[in-house]
Each structure stands twice: as structure tokens, then as C-alpha cells.
Amino acid sequence: MIRALRLLFLGLLAVVLIGLALANRQIVTLRVLPLEAGSFLGWDWAVQVPLFLVILAGVLLGLLIGFVWEWARESRLRRNARQSDRKARKLEAEVQTLRHDKTGPKDDVLALLEQPSR
């Protein structure tokens, strides 16, 4: 059921993107700087691309910025999780050594029961 819904969603997304591309095929000029500033600085770089590529590139750039922002925001949580995992592993190892250590300190009641009687 979930797979069918996912395929339906991807199909609808493909139809929308194809419709967007067909409706926005006109060529636009992208410039790094405004025309006057580019002429003044001597660096007038421009490229002509279809409008739908500009739209899709903007959406992808926004997603990329959002993913990087969230990854950076959650770095503190990942660091705390790593520290907690390290601490839990250390404590588990210590519990295992204490369970298997026969020479370690015994319980006081058991020590009294194991004393030879006089």
C-alpha cells in the first residue's frame, strides 16, 4: 500500500515538473552582476538558459541549503548521542567484568556465610 502511494506521488510529481518545464521554455539571461556594475568592473558574465532550469535550480539550491542547515543544527545532538553511546558501552563492559570477576569483593552476607565455621 505504501509503495503504491509513493509511486503515485512520484508520478504526480513527474507530471507537475514536466508541465512546469513545458510551460516555461522561454530563454532568459542570467547575469552574475547587474549590467551597469558588470560593465564598470569589466566582469560581465552572463548565460542564457530556459526559465524552467532556473526554477528547478532554485528549488534544488533551497533544498541543499536546508539540508546543510539542519545537519549543522543537529550536530550538537549527534555529538551528545555519540558521548552517551560511548559511556553506555563503557558501563556495559564494566558490568560484564564485574559479573565474571570471581576475585572481586563479594557481598557481605555471602562472605559471612562462606567463612569456615569454628
C-alpha atoms as a PDB file:
ATOM      1  CA  MET A   1       0.000   0.000   0.000  1.00  0.00           C
ATOM      2  CA  ILE A   2       2.748   2.469   0.970  1.00  0.00           C
ATOM      3  CA  ARG A   3       4.720   1.559  -2.148  1.00  0.00           C
ATOM      4  CA  ALA A   4       1.701   2.284  -4.351  1.00  0.00           C
ATOM      5  CA  LEU A   5       1.178   5.666  -2.668  1.00  0.00           C
ATOM      6  CA  ARG A   6       4.851   6.512  -3.116  1.00  0.00           C
ATOM      7  CA  LEU A   7       4.719   5.585  -6.810  1.00  0.00           C
ATOM      8  CA  LEU A   8       1.533   7.633  -7.240  1.00  0.00           C
ATOM      9  CA  PHE A   9       3.170  10.628  -5.571  1.00  0.00           C
ATOM     10  CA  LEU A  10       6.297  10.326  -7.725  1.00  0.00           C
ATOM     11  CA  GLY A  11       4.140  10.035 -10.856  1.00  0.00           C
ATOM     12  CA  LEU A  12       2.187  13.165  -9.952  1.00  0.00           C
ATOM     13  CA  LEU A  13       5.425  14.993  -9.179  1.00  0.00           C
ATOM     14  CA  ALA A  14       6.819  13.978 -12.587  1.00  0.00           C
ATOM     15  CA  VAL A  15       3.675  15.250 -14.348  1.00  0.00           C
ATOM     16  CA  VAL A  16       3.871  18.575 -12.494  1.00  0.00           C
ATOM     17  CA  LEU A  17       7.576  19.009 -13.294  1.00  0.00           C
ATOM     18  CA  ILE A  18       7.074  18.157 -16.962  1.00  0.00           C
ATOM     19  CA  GLY A  19       4.165  20.613 -17.124  1.00  0.00           C
ATOM     20  CA  LEU A  20       6.314  23.279 -15.480  1.00  0.00           C
ATOM     21  CA  ALA A  21       9.110  22.665 -17.985  1.00  0.00           C
ATOM     22  CA  LEU A  22       6.770  22.819 -20.981  1.00  0.00           C
ATOM     23  CA  ALA A  23       5.072  25.995 -19.776  1.00  0.00           C
ATOM     24  CA  ASN A  24       8.387  27.823 -19.087  1.00  0.00           C
ATOM     25  CA  ARG A  25      10.561  27.058 -22.101  1.00  0.00           C
ATOM     26  CA  GLN A  26      11.388  30.679 -22.942  1.00  0.00           C
ATOM     27  CA  ILE A  27      15.065  31.637 -22.766  1.00  0.00           C
ATOM     28  CA  VAL A  28      16.182  34.044 -20.023  1.00  0.00           C
ATOM     29  CA  THR A  29      19.564  35.666 -19.419  1.00  0.00           C
ATOM     30  CA  LEU A  30      21.205  35.129 -16.038  1.00  0.00           C
ATOM     31  CA  ARG A  31      23.885  37.612 -15.029  1.00  0.00           C
ATOM     32  CA  VAL A  32      26.240  37.493 -12.062  1.00  0.00           C
ATOM     33  CA  LEU A  33      26.128  41.278 -11.620  1.00  0.00           C
ATOM     34  CA  PRO A  34      23.716  43.927 -12.845  1.00  0.00           C
ATOM     35  CA  LEU A  35      24.574  45.143 -16.350  1.00  0.00           C
ATOM     36  CA  GLU A  36      25.944  48.527 -15.191  1.00  0.00           C
ATOM     37  CA  ALA A  37      28.059  47.032 -12.373  1.00  0.00           C
ATOM     38  CA  GLY A  38      29.393  44.296 -14.658  1.00  0.00           C
ATOM     39  CA  SER A  39      30.381  46.865 -17.311  1.00  0.00           C
ATOM     40  CA  PHE A  40      32.024  49.088 -14.701  1.00  0.00           C
ATOM     41  CA  LEU A  41      34.057  46.221 -13.165  1.00  0.00           C
ATOM     42  CA  GLY A  42      34.843  44.616 -16.514  1.00  0.00           C
ATOM     43  CA  TRP A  43      33.322  41.329 -15.493  1.00  0.00           C
ATOM     44  CA  ASP A  44      30.085  40.913 -17.388  1.00  0.00           C
ATOM     45  CA  TRP A  45      29.417  37.174 -17.217  1.00  0.00           C
ATOM     46  CA  ALA A  46      26.006  36.044 -18.459  1.00  0.00           C
ATOM     47  CA  VAL A  47      24.395  32.810 -19.620  1.00  0.00           C
ATOM     48  CA  GLN A  48      21.139  32.131 -21.442  1.00  0.00           C
ATOM     49  CA  VAL A  49      19.073  29.191 -20.181  1.00  0.00           C
ATOM     50  CA  PRO A  50      15.422  28.116 -20.255  1.00  0.00           C
ATOM     51  CA  LEU A  51      13.334  29.513 -17.424  1.00  0.00           C
ATOM     52  CA  PHE A  52      12.332  26.090 -16.067  1.00  0.00           C
ATOM     53  CA  LEU A  53      16.019  25.290 -15.421  1.00  0.00           C
ATOM     54  CA  VAL A  54      16.300  28.456 -13.347  1.00  0.00           C
ATOM     55  CA  ILE A  55      13.214  27.478 -11.348  1.00  0.00           C
ATOM     56  CA  LEU A  56      14.367  23.896 -10.759  1.00  0.00           C
ATOM     57  CA  ALA A  57      17.909  25.018  -9.890  1.00  0.00           C
ATOM     58  CA  GLY A  58      16.449  27.451  -7.341  1.00  0.00           C
ATOM     59  CA  VAL A  59      14.351  24.713  -5.745  1.00  0.00           C
ATOM     60  CA  LEU A  60      17.322  22.314  -5.608  1.00  0.00           C
ATOM     61  CA  LEU A  61      19.594  25.017  -4.173  1.00  0.00           C
ATOM     62  CA  GLY A  62      16.982  25.774  -1.494  1.00  0.00           C
ATOM     63  CA  LEU A  63      16.748  22.097  -0.577  1.00  0.00           C
ATOM     64  CA  LEU A  64      20.521  21.797  -0.393  1.00  0.00           C
ATOM     65  CA  ILE A  65      20.799  24.851   1.854  1.00  0.00           C
ATOM     66  CA  GLY A  66      18.014  23.469   4.083  1.00  0.00           C
ATOM     67  CA  PHE A  67      19.691  20.062   4.398  1.00  0.00           C
ATOM     68  CA  VAL A  68      23.059  21.621   5.274  1.00  0.00           C
ATOM     69  CA  TRP A  69      21.402  23.979   7.771  1.00  0.00           C
ATOM     70  CA  GLU A  70      19.623  21.100   9.535  1.00  0.00           C
ATOM     71  CA  TRP A  71      22.768  18.952   9.533  1.00  0.00           C
ATOM     72  CA  ALA A  72      24.714  21.794  11.188  1.00  0.00           C
ATOM     73  CA  ARG A  73      21.886  22.491  13.664  1.00  0.00           C
ATOM     74  CA  GLU A  74      21.711  18.849  14.746  1.00  0.00           C
ATOM     75  CA  SER A  75      25.475  18.401  15.178  1.00  0.00           C
ATOM     76  CA  ARG A  76      25.172  19.004  18.937  1.00  0.00           C
ATOM     77  CA  LEU A  77      22.567  16.243  19.201  1.00  0.00           C
ATOM     78  CA  ARG A  78      24.767  13.812  17.260  1.00  0.00           C
ATOM     79  CA  ARG A  79      27.751  14.654  19.487  1.00  0.00           C
ATOM     80  CA  ASN A  80      25.708  14.036  22.650  1.00  0.00           C
ATOM     81  CA  ALA A  81      24.438  10.742  21.249  1.00  0.00           C
ATOM     82  CA  ARG A  82      27.996   9.603  20.484  1.00  0.00           C
ATOM     83  CA  GLN A  83      29.123  10.514  24.009  1.00  0.00           C
ATOM     84  CA  SER A  84      26.155   8.687  25.563  1.00  0.00           C
ATOM     85  CA  ASP A  85      26.823   5.635  23.391  1.00  0.00           C
ATOM     86  CA  ARG A  86      30.487   5.604  24.430  1.00  0.00           C
ATOM     87  CA  LYS A  87      29.531   5.906  28.096  1.00  0.00           C
ATOM     88  CA  ALA A  88      26.928   3.125  27.821  1.00  0.00           C
ATOM     89  CA  ARG A  89      29.437   0.783  26.166  1.00  0.00           C
ATOM     90  CA  LYS A  90      31.998   1.515  28.871  1.00  0.00           C
ATOM     91  CA  LEU A  91      29.461   0.828  31.612  1.00  0.00           C
ATOM     92  CA  GLU A  92      28.289  -2.395  29.918  1.00  0.00           C
ATOM     93  CA  ALA A  93      31.884  -3.604  29.706  1.00  0.00           C
ATOM     94  CA  GLU A  94      32.396  -2.778  33.381  1.00  0.00           C
ATOM     95  CA  VAL A  95      29.238  -4.700  34.355  1.00  0.00           C
ATOM     96  CA  GLN A  96      30.414  -7.721  32.368  1.00  0.00           C
ATOM     97  CA  THR A  97      33.818  -7.696  34.055  1.00  0.00           C
ATOM     98  CA  LEU A  98      32.201  -7.399  37.480  1.00  0.00           C
ATOM     99  CA  ARG A  99      29.856 -10.307  36.753  1.00  0.00           C
ATOM    100  CA  HIS A 100      32.672 -12.572  35.637  1.00  0.00           C
ATOM    101  CA  ASP A 101      35.255 -11.450  38.185  1.00  0.00           C
ATOM    102  CA  LYS A 102      35.444 -14.169  40.861  1.00  0.00           C
ATOM    103  CA  THR A 103      38.243 -12.499  42.830  1.00  0.00           C
ATOM    104  CA  GLY A 104      36.427  -9.218  43.310  1.00  0.00           C
ATOM    105  CA  PRO A 105      34.713  -8.119  46.513  1.00  0.00           C
ATOM    106  CA  LYS A 106      31.758 -10.259  47.490  1.00  0.00           C
ATOM    107  CA  ASP A 107      28.517  -9.390  49.116  1.00  0.00           C
ATOM    108  CA  ASP A 108      28.895  -9.038  52.918  1.00  0.00           C
ATOM    109  CA  VAL A 109      26.188 -11.602  53.675  1.00  0.00           C
ATOM    110  CA  LEU A 110      27.710 -14.134  51.278  1.00  0.00           C
ATOM    111  CA  ALA A 111      31.156 -13.515  52.727  1.00  0.00           C
ATOM    112  CA  LEU A 112      29.834 -14.311  56.238  1.00  0.00           C
ATOM    113  CA  LEU A 113      28.132 -17.494  55.011  1.00  0.00           C
ATOM    114  CA  GLU A 114      31.274 -18.700  53.258  1.00  0.00           C
ATOM    115  CA  GLN A 115      33.518 -18.284  56.314  1.00  0.00           C
ATOM    116  CA  PRO A 116      34.651 -21.598  57.762  1.00  0.00           C
ATOM    117  CA  SER A 117      32.843 -22.360  60.986  1.00  0.00           C
ATOM    118  CA  ARG A 118      34.926 -22.594  64.165  1.00  0.00           C
END
